[in-house]
Amino acid sequence: MTSHSIKPADYSAADIAALQELEAGVASPDQQKRALKWIIEQACITYDLSFDPTSERTTSFAEGRRYVGLQIVKMLKLNRNAFKEK
């Protein structure tokens, strides 16, 4: 059984364009949203189940991917005006 958590993320031509335009600093608002959505949902599998009953290593790998997505989602939800530098 191959877990989806170790499979590379699916992507389309529109996803590629959105990420490339984002990196170049010229993405439209829709492309920016598409790129961030792809990162969070596809690349990081943030909202997927990370547990693989057949492999602790695969579970750990999936949790690493999810961790990155959760950090991005957290940053999107924080109140930046309430943040104080240490």
PDB file of N, CA and C in Angstrom:
ATOM      1  N   MET A   1       0.845  -1.188   0.000  1.00  0.00           N
ATOM      2  CA  MET A   1       0.000   0.000   0.000  1.00  0.00           C
ATOM      3  C   MET A   1       0.886   1.246   0.000  1.00  0.00           C
ATOM      4  N   THR A   2       0.673   2.130  -0.945  1.00  0.00           N
ATOM      5  CA  THR A   2       1.397   3.396  -0.977  1.00  0.00           C
ATOM      6  C   THR A   2       0.477   4.479  -0.443  1.00  0.00           C
ATOM      7  N   SER A   3       0.937   5.150   0.562  1.00  0.00           N
ATOM      8  CA  SER A   3       0.135   6.198   1.184  1.00  0.00           C
ATOM      9  C   SER A   3       0.149   7.460   0.335  1.00  0.00           C
ATOM     10  N   HIS A   4      -0.976   8.172   0.343  1.00  0.00           N
ATOM     11  CA  HIS A   4      -1.042   9.445  -0.371  1.00  0.00           C
ATOM     12  C   HIS A   4      -0.092  10.464   0.247  1.00  0.00           C
ATOM     13  N   SER A   5       0.300  10.262   1.499  1.00  0.00           N
ATOM     14  CA  SER A   5       1.141  11.234   2.190  1.00  0.00           C
ATOM     15  C   SER A   5       2.572  11.272   1.669  1.00  0.00           C
ATOM     16  N   ILE A   6       3.000  10.229   0.960  1.00  0.00           N
ATOM     17  CA  ILE A   6       4.347  10.248   0.402  1.00  0.00           C
ATOM     18  C   ILE A   6       4.325  10.432  -1.113  1.00  0.00           C
ATOM     19  N   LYS A   7       3.135  10.500  -1.674  1.00  0.00           N
ATOM     20  CA  LYS A   7       2.966  10.722  -3.105  1.00  0.00           C
ATOM     21  C   LYS A   7       3.121  12.222  -3.385  1.00  0.00           C
ATOM     22  N   PRO A   8       3.866  12.585  -4.412  1.00  0.00           N
ATOM     23  CA  PRO A   8       3.957  14.006  -4.742  1.00  0.00           C
ATOM     24  C   PRO A   8       2.575  14.603  -5.007  1.00  0.00           C
ATOM     25  N   ALA A   9       2.421  15.859  -4.697  1.00  0.00           N
ATOM     26  CA  ALA A   9       1.142  16.540  -4.856  1.00  0.00           C
ATOM     27  C   ALA A   9       0.745  16.631  -6.328  1.00  0.00           C
ATOM     28  N   ASP A  10      -0.541  16.464  -6.594  1.00  0.00           N
ATOM     29  CA  ASP A  10      -1.067  16.661  -7.937  1.00  0.00           C
ATOM     30  C   ASP A  10      -1.056  18.148  -8.265  1.00  0.00           C
ATOM     31  N   TYR A  11      -0.917  18.473  -9.540  1.00  0.00           N
ATOM     32  CA  TYR A  11      -0.959  19.867  -9.960  1.00  0.00           C
ATOM     33  C   TYR A  11      -1.392  19.950 -11.408  1.00  0.00           C
ATOM     34  N   SER A  12      -1.877  21.121 -11.756  1.00  0.00           N
ATOM     35  CA  SER A  12      -2.335  21.384 -13.116  1.00  0.00           C
ATOM     36  C   SER A  12      -1.479  22.491 -13.720  1.00  0.00           C
ATOM     37  N   ALA A  13      -1.685  22.756 -14.994  1.00  0.00           N
ATOM     38  CA  ALA A  13      -0.973  23.852 -15.657  1.00  0.00           C
ATOM     39  C   ALA A  13      -1.294  25.181 -14.976  1.00  0.00           C
ATOM     40  N   ALA A  14      -2.544  25.348 -14.526  1.00  0.00           N
ATOM     41  CA  ALA A  14      -2.933  26.589 -13.844  1.00  0.00           C
ATOM     42  C   ALA A  14      -2.218  26.725 -12.497  1.00  0.00           C
ATOM     43  N   ASP A  15      -2.005  25.600 -11.810  1.00  0.00           N
ATOM     44  CA  ASP A  15      -1.260  25.638 -10.547  1.00  0.00           C
ATOM     45  C   ASP A  15       0.189  26.047 -10.789  1.00  0.00           C
ATOM     46  N   ILE A  16       0.785  25.471 -11.828  1.00  0.00           N
ATOM     47  CA  ILE A  16       2.167  25.818 -12.175  1.00  0.00           C
ATOM     48  C   ILE A  16       2.272  27.304 -12.487  1.00  0.00           C
ATOM     49  N   ALA A  17       1.369  27.795 -13.307  1.00  0.00           N
ATOM     50  CA  ALA A  17       1.390  29.214 -13.676  1.00  0.00           C
ATOM     51  C   ALA A  17       1.206  30.098 -12.446  1.00  0.00           C
ATOM     52  N   ALA A  18       0.289  29.727 -11.576  1.00  0.00           N
ATOM     53  CA  ALA A  18       0.033  30.538 -10.381  1.00  0.00           C
ATOM     54  C   ALA A  18       1.273  30.622  -9.497  1.00  0.00           C
ATOM     55  N   LEU A  19       1.949  29.499  -9.289  1.00  0.00           N
ATOM     56  CA  LEU A  19       3.150  29.504  -8.451  1.00  0.00           C
ATOM     57  C   LEU A  19       4.296  30.257  -9.111  1.00  0.00           C
ATOM     58  N   GLN A  20       4.450  30.102 -10.412  1.00  0.00           N
ATOM     59  CA  GLN A  20       5.523  30.809 -11.103  1.00  0.00           C
ATOM     60  C   GLN A  20       5.283  32.314 -11.120  1.00  0.00           C
ATOM     61  N   GLU A  21       4.041  32.714 -11.314  1.00  0.00           N
ATOM     62  CA  GLU A  21       3.712  34.139 -11.295  1.00  0.00           C
ATOM     63  C   GLU A  21       3.861  34.711  -9.880  1.00  0.00           C
ATOM     64  N   LEU A  22       3.502  33.913  -8.876  1.00  0.00           N
ATOM     65  CA  LEU A  22       3.677  34.339  -7.485  1.00  0.00           C
ATOM     66  C   LEU A  22       5.154  34.583  -7.196  1.00  0.00           C
ATOM     67  N   GLU A  23       5.996  33.650  -7.607  1.00  0.00           N
ATOM     68  CA  GLU A  23       7.438  33.770  -7.375  1.00  0.00           C
ATOM     69  C   GLU A  23       8.010  34.989  -8.094  1.00  0.00           C
ATOM     70  N   ALA A  24       7.482  35.294  -9.260  1.00  0.00           N
ATOM     71  CA  ALA A  24       7.952  36.441 -10.037  1.00  0.00           C
ATOM     72  C   ALA A  24       7.399  37.761  -9.515  1.00  0.00           C
ATOM     73  N   GLY A  25       6.431  37.681  -8.615  1.00  0.00           N
ATOM     74  CA  GLY A  25       5.841  38.894  -8.045  1.00  0.00           C
ATOM     75  C   GLY A  25       4.812  39.563  -8.926  1.00  0.00           C
ATOM     76  N   VAL A  26       4.244  38.808  -9.863  1.00  0.00           N
ATOM     77  CA  VAL A  26       3.285  39.400 -10.794  1.00  0.00           C
ATOM     78  C   VAL A  26       1.956  38.635 -10.836  1.00  0.00           C
ATOM     79  N   ALA A  27       1.712  37.780  -9.858  1.00  0.00           N
ATOM     80  CA  ALA A  27       0.478  36.978  -9.843  1.00  0.00           C
ATOM     81  C   ALA A  27      -0.745  37.863  -9.618  1.00  0.00           C
ATOM     82  N   SER A  28      -1.808  37.539 -10.320  1.00  0.00           N
ATOM     83  CA  SER A  28      -3.085  38.229 -10.100  1.00  0.00           C
ATOM     84  C   SER A  28      -3.630  37.810  -8.732  1.00  0.00           C
ATOM     85  N   PRO A  29      -4.604  38.525  -8.202  1.00  0.00           N
ATOM     86  CA  PRO A  29      -5.196  38.101  -6.931  1.00  0.00           C
ATOM     87  C   PRO A  29      -5.716  36.656  -6.973  1.00  0.00           C
ATOM     88  N   ASP A  30      -6.344  36.257  -8.074  1.00  0.00           N
ATOM     89  CA  ASP A  30      -6.831  34.879  -8.182  1.00  0.00           C
ATOM     90  C   ASP A  30      -5.682  33.879  -8.209  1.00  0.00           C
ATOM     91  N   GLN A  31      -4.595  34.222  -8.894  1.00  0.00           N
ATOM     92  CA  GLN A  31      -3.430  33.328  -8.924  1.00  0.00           C
ATOM     93  C   GLN A  31      -2.784  33.226  -7.542  1.00  0.00           C
ATOM     94  N   GLN A  32      -2.736  34.327  -6.812  1.00  0.00           N
ATOM     95  CA  GLN A  32      -2.182  34.297  -5.461  1.00  0.00           C
ATOM     96  C   GLN A  32      -2.984  33.348  -4.579  1.00  0.00           C
ATOM     97  N   LYS A  33      -4.295  33.448  -4.672  1.00  0.00           N
ATOM     98  CA  LYS A  33      -5.162  32.567  -3.880  1.00  0.00           C
ATOM     99  C   LYS A  33      -4.997  31.113  -4.310  1.00  0.00           C
ATOM    100  N   ARG A  34      -4.919  30.889  -5.614  1.00  0.00           N
ATOM    101  CA  ARG A  34      -4.766  29.526  -6.122  1.00  0.00           C
ATOM    102  C   ARG A  34      -3.446  28.922  -5.643  1.00  0.00           C
ATOM    103  N   ALA A  35      -2.374  29.693  -5.710  1.00  0.00           N
ATOM    104  CA  ALA A  35      -1.060  29.202  -5.291  1.00  0.00           C
ATOM    105  C   ALA A  35      -1.065  28.850  -3.802  1.00  0.00           C
ATOM    106  N   LEU A  36      -1.600  29.722  -2.976  1.00  0.00           N
ATOM    107  CA  LEU A  36      -1.641  29.458  -1.541  1.00  0.00           C
ATOM    108  C   LEU A  36      -2.529  28.259  -1.230  1.00  0.00           C
ATOM    109  N   LYS A  37      -3.648  28.154  -1.903  1.00  0.00           N
ATOM    110  CA  LYS A  37      -4.539  27.002  -1.710  1.00  0.00           C
ATOM    111  C   LYS A  37      -3.826  25.709  -2.100  1.00  0.00           C
ATOM    112  N   TRP A  38      -3.091  25.720  -3.215  1.00  0.00           N
ATOM    113  CA  TRP A  38      -2.375  24.525  -3.635  1.00  0.00           C
ATOM    114  C   TRP A  38      -1.308  24.136  -2.603  1.00  0.00           C
ATOM    115  N   ILE A  39      -0.573  25.119  -2.111  1.00  0.00           N
ATOM    116  CA  ILE A  39       0.462  24.839  -1.112  1.00  0.00           C
ATOM    117  C   ILE A  39      -0.159  24.211   0.128  1.00  0.00           C
ATOM    118  N   ILE A  40      -1.213  24.838   0.650  1.00  0.00           N
ATOM    119  CA  ILE A  40      -1.835  24.370   1.893  1.00  0.00           C
ATOM    120  C   ILE A  40      -2.521  23.019   1.719  1.00  0.00           C
ATOM    121  N   GLU A  41      -3.302  22.876   0.667  1.00  0.00           N
ATOM    122  CA  GLU A  41      -4.133  21.679   0.531  1.00  0.00           C
ATOM    123  C   GLU A  41      -3.457  20.514  -0.203  1.00  0.00           C
ATOM    124  N   GLN A  42      -2.627  20.801  -1.187  1.00  0.00           N
ATOM    125  CA  GLN A  42      -2.020  19.725  -1.975  1.00  0.00           C
ATOM    126  C   GLN A  42      -0.595  19.404  -1.518  1.00  0.00           C
ATOM    127  N   ALA A  43       0.265  20.417  -1.514  1.00  0.00           N
ATOM    128  CA  ALA A  43       1.664  20.167  -1.164  1.00  0.00           C
ATOM    129  C   ALA A  43       1.827  19.773   0.294  1.00  0.00           C
ATOM    130  N   CYS A  44       1.077  20.437   1.175  1.00  0.00           N
ATOM    131  CA  CYS A  44       1.225  20.184   2.614  1.00  0.00           C
ATOM    132  C   CYS A  44       0.206  19.204   3.184  1.00  0.00           C
ATOM    133  N   ILE A  45      -0.759  18.784   2.390  1.00  0.00           N
ATOM    134  CA  ILE A  45      -1.833  17.886   2.838  1.00  0.00           C
ATOM    135  C   ILE A  45      -2.360  18.267   4.228  1.00  0.00           C
ATOM    136  N   THR A  46      -2.530  19.557   4.449  1.00  0.00           N
ATOM    137  CA  THR A  46      -2.886  20.097   5.760  1.00  0.00           C
ATOM    138  C   THR A  46      -4.168  19.513   6.322  1.00  0.00           C
ATOM    139  N   TYR A  47      -5.155  19.300   5.492  1.00  0.00           N
ATOM    140  CA  TYR A  47      -6.459  18.869   5.984  1.00  0.00           C
ATOM    141  C   TYR A  47      -6.709  17.371   5.815  1.00  0.00           C
ATOM    142  N   ASP A  48      -5.678  16.631   5.418  1.00  0.00           N
ATOM    143  CA  ASP A  48      -5.810  15.184   5.250  1.00  0.00           C
ATOM    144  C   ASP A  48      -5.388  14.450   6.514  1.00  0.00           C
ATOM    145  N   LEU A  49      -5.838  13.237   6.630  1.00  0.00           N
ATOM    146  CA  LEU A  49      -5.427  12.378   7.733  1.00  0.00           C
ATOM    147  C   LEU A  49      -3.986  11.953   7.488  1.00  0.00           C
ATOM    148  N   SER A  50      -3.124  12.155   8.472  1.00  0.00           N
ATOM    149  CA  SER A  50      -1.713  11.816   8.300  1.00  0.00           C
ATOM    150  C   SER A  50      -1.377  10.408   8.781  1.00  0.00           C
ATOM    151  N   PHE A  51      -2.250   9.793   9.542  1.00  0.00           N
ATOM    152  CA  PHE A  51      -1.978   8.479  10.112  1.00  0.00           C
ATOM    153  C   PHE A  51      -1.999   7.394   9.049  1.00  0.00           C
ATOM    154  N   ASP A  52      -0.952   6.594   9.027  1.00  0.00           N
ATOM    155  CA  ASP A  52      -0.881   5.426   8.161  1.00  0.00           C
ATOM    156  C   ASP A  52      -0.691   4.217   9.072  1.00  0.00           C
ATOM    157  N   PRO A  53      -1.701   3.369   9.202  1.00  0.00           N
ATOM    158  CA  PRO A  53      -1.609   2.246  10.131  1.00  0.00           C
ATOM    159  C   PRO A  53      -0.537   1.224   9.760  1.00  0.00           C
ATOM    160  N   THR A  54      -0.021   1.306   8.545  1.00  0.00           N
ATOM    161  CA  THR A  54       0.986   0.336   8.115  1.00  0.00           C
ATOM    162  C   THR A  54       2.417   0.820   8.310  1.00  0.00           C
ATOM    163  N   SER A  55       2.601   2.106   8.623  1.00  0.00           N
ATOM    164  CA  SER A  55       3.968   2.620   8.697  1.00  0.00           C
ATOM    165  C   SER A  55       4.079   3.852   9.589  1.00  0.00           C
ATOM    166  N   GLU A  56       4.832   3.722  10.653  1.00  0.00           N
ATOM    167  CA  GLU A  56       5.092   4.874  11.527  1.00  0.00           C
ATOM    168  C   GLU A  56       5.926   5.926  10.788  1.00  0.00           C
ATOM    169  N   ARG A  57       6.809   5.481   9.927  1.00  0.00           N
ATOM    170  CA  ARG A  57       7.652   6.420   9.174  1.00  0.00           C
ATOM    171  C   ARG A  57       6.818   7.246   8.197  1.00  0.00           C
ATOM    172  N   THR A  58       5.870   6.606   7.543  1.00  0.00           N
ATOM    173  CA  THR A  58       5.002   7.333   6.626  1.00  0.00           C
ATOM    174  C   THR A  58       4.136   8.326   7.387  1.00  0.00           C
ATOM    175  N   THR A  59       3.656   7.919   8.554  1.00  0.00           N
ATOM    176  CA  THR A  59       2.882   8.836   9.396  1.00  0.00           C
ATOM    177  C   THR A  59       3.733  10.045   9.765  1.00  0.00           C
ATOM    178  N   SER A  60       4.969   9.814  10.165  1.00  0.00           N
ATOM    179  CA  SER A  60       5.868  10.909  10.542  1.00  0.00           C
ATOM    180  C   SER A  60       6.126  11.843   9.362  1.00  0.00           C
ATOM    181  N   PHE A  61       6.334  11.269   8.192  1.00  0.00           N
ATOM    182  CA  PHE A  61       6.551  12.081   7.001  1.00  0.00           C
ATOM    183  C   PHE A  61       5.336  12.956   6.711  1.00  0.00           C
ATOM    184  N   ALA A  62       4.161  12.360   6.782  1.00  0.00           N
ATOM    185  CA  ALA A  62       2.926  13.103   6.534  1.00  0.00           C
ATOM    186  C   ALA A  62       2.728  14.203   7.571  1.00  0.00           C
ATOM    187  N   GLU A  63       3.072  13.919   8.814  1.00  0.00           N
ATOM    188  CA  GLU A  63       2.948  14.935   9.863  1.00  0.00           C
ATOM    189  C   GLU A  63       3.891  16.107   9.608  1.00  0.00           C
ATOM    190  N   GLY A  64       5.060  15.829   9.048  1.00  0.00           N
ATOM    191  CA  GLY A  64       5.978  16.906   8.682  1.00  0.00           C
ATOM    192  C   GLY A  64       5.380  17.809   7.613  1.00  0.00           C
ATOM    193  N   ARG A  65       4.761  17.208   6.617  1.00  0.00           N
ATOM    194  CA  ARG A  65       4.091  17.996   5.579  1.00  0.00           C
ATOM    195  C   ARG A  65       2.970  18.826   6.180  1.00  0.00           C
ATOM    196  N   ARG A  66       2.151  18.195   7.004  1.00  0.00           N
ATOM    197  CA  ARG A  66       1.015  18.888   7.628  1.00  0.00           C
ATOM    198  C   ARG A  66       1.481  20.034   8.511  1.00  0.00           C
ATOM    199  N   TYR A  67       2.594  19.841   9.221  1.00  0.00           N
ATOM    200  CA  TYR A  67       3.108  20.869  10.117  1.00  0.00           C
ATOM    201  C   TYR A  67       3.357  22.178   9.358  1.00  0.00           C
ATOM    202  N   VAL A  68       3.965  22.070   8.189  1.00  0.00           N
ATOM    203  CA  VAL A  68       4.230  23.261   7.382  1.00  0.00           C
ATOM    204  C   VAL A  68       2.910  23.944   7.017  1.00  0.00           C
ATOM    205  N   GLY A  69       1.943  23.173   6.560  1.00  0.00           N
ATOM    206  CA  GLY A  69       0.637  23.744   6.210  1.00  0.00           C
ATOM    207  C   GLY A  69      -0.047  24.396   7.395  1.00  0.00           C
ATOM    208  N   LEU A  70       0.036  23.752   8.552  1.00  0.00           N
ATOM    209  CA  LEU A  70      -0.588  24.318   9.756  1.00  0.00           C
ATOM    210  C   LEU A  70       0.075  25.620  10.157  1.00  0.00           C
ATOM    211  N   GLN A  71       1.388  25.737   9.972  1.00  0.00           N
ATOM    212  CA  GLN A  71       2.071  26.991  10.291  1.00  0.00           C
ATOM    213  C   GLN A  71       1.626  28.108   9.351  1.00  0.00           C
ATOM    214  N   ILE A  72       1.439  27.787   8.087  1.00  0.00           N
ATOM    215  CA  ILE A  72       0.960  28.793   7.131  1.00  0.00           C
ATOM    216  C   ILE A  72      -0.450  29.230   7.499  1.00  0.00           C
ATOM    217  N   VAL A  73      -1.337  28.278   7.766  1.00  0.00           N
ATOM    218  CA  VAL A  73      -2.713  28.608   8.143  1.00  0.00           C
ATOM    219  C   VAL A  73      -2.721  29.460   9.415  1.00  0.00           C
ATOM    220  N   LYS A  74      -1.894  29.103  10.380  1.00  0.00           N
ATOM    221  CA  LYS A  74      -1.799  29.878  11.622  1.00  0.00           C
ATOM    222  C   LYS A  74      -1.427  31.330  11.327  1.00  0.00           C
ATOM    223  N   MET A  75      -0.410  31.528  10.482  1.00  0.00           N
ATOM    224  CA  MET A  75       0.022  32.892  10.146  1.00  0.00           C
ATOM    225  C   MET A  75      -1.089  33.675   9.455  1.00  0.00           C
ATOM    226  N   LEU A  76      -1.902  32.990   8.668  1.00  0.00           N
ATOM    227  CA  LEU A  76      -3.000  33.661   7.978  1.00  0.00           C
ATOM    228  C   LEU A  76      -4.099  34.093   8.945  1.00  0.00           C
ATOM    229  N   LYS A  77      -4.200  33.420  10.091  1.00  0.00           N
ATOM    230  CA  LYS A  77      -5.271  33.692  11.051  1.00  0.00           C
ATOM    231  C   LYS A  77      -4.851  34.643  12.179  1.00  0.00           C
ATOM    232  N   LEU A  78      -3.552  34.838  12.374  1.00  0.00           N
ATOM    233  CA  LEU A  78      -3.090  35.674  13.485  1.00  0.00           C
ATOM    234  C   LEU A  78      -3.499  37.134  13.315  1.00  0.00           C
ATOM    235  N   ASN A  79      -3.713  37.795  14.415  1.00  0.00           N
ATOM    236  CA  ASN A  79      -3.981  39.228  14.414  1.00  0.00           C
ATOM    237  C   ASN A  79      -2.629  39.930  14.395  1.00  0.00           C
ATOM    238  N   ARG A  80      -2.234  40.420  13.229  1.00  0.00           N
ATOM    239  CA  ARG A  80      -0.917  41.035  13.109  1.00  0.00           C
ATOM    240  C   ARG A  80      -0.772  42.313  13.907  1.00  0.00           C
ATOM    241  N   ASN A  81      -1.884  42.984  14.181  1.00  0.00           N
ATOM    242  CA  ASN A  81      -1.824  44.212  14.959  1.00  0.00           C
ATOM    243  C   ASN A  81      -1.564  43.934  16.432  1.00  0.00           C
ATOM    244  N   ALA A  82      -1.884  42.746  16.887  1.00  0.00           N
ATOM    245  CA  ALA A  82      -1.676  42.380  18.293  1.00  0.00           C
ATOM    246  C   ALA A  82      -0.308  41.747  18.511  1.00  0.00           C
ATOM    247  N   PHE A  83       0.433  41.467  17.444  1.00  0.00           N
ATOM    248  CA  PHE A  83       1.728  40.810  17.549  1.00  0.00           C
ATOM    249  C   PHE A  83       2.773  41.793  18.029  1.00  0.00           C
ATOM    250  N   LYS A  84       3.557  41.354  18.991  1.00  0.00           N
ATOM    251  CA  LYS A  84       4.640  42.181  19.522  1.00  0.00           C
ATOM    252  C   LYS A  84       5.955  41.443  19.317  1.00  0.00           C
ATOM    253  N   GLU A  85       6.945  42.164  18.800  1.00  0.00           N
ATOM    254  CA  GLU A  85       8.276  41.588  18.623  1.00  0.00           C
ATOM    255  C   GLU A  85       8.905  41.317  19.980  1.00  0.00           C
ATOM    256  N   LYS A  86       9.688  40.264  20.061  1.00  0.00           N
ATOM    257  CA  LYS A  86      10.364  39.927  21.320  1.00  0.00           C
ATOM    258  C   LYS A  86      11.681  40.639  21.410  1.00  0.00           C
TER     259      LYS A  86
END
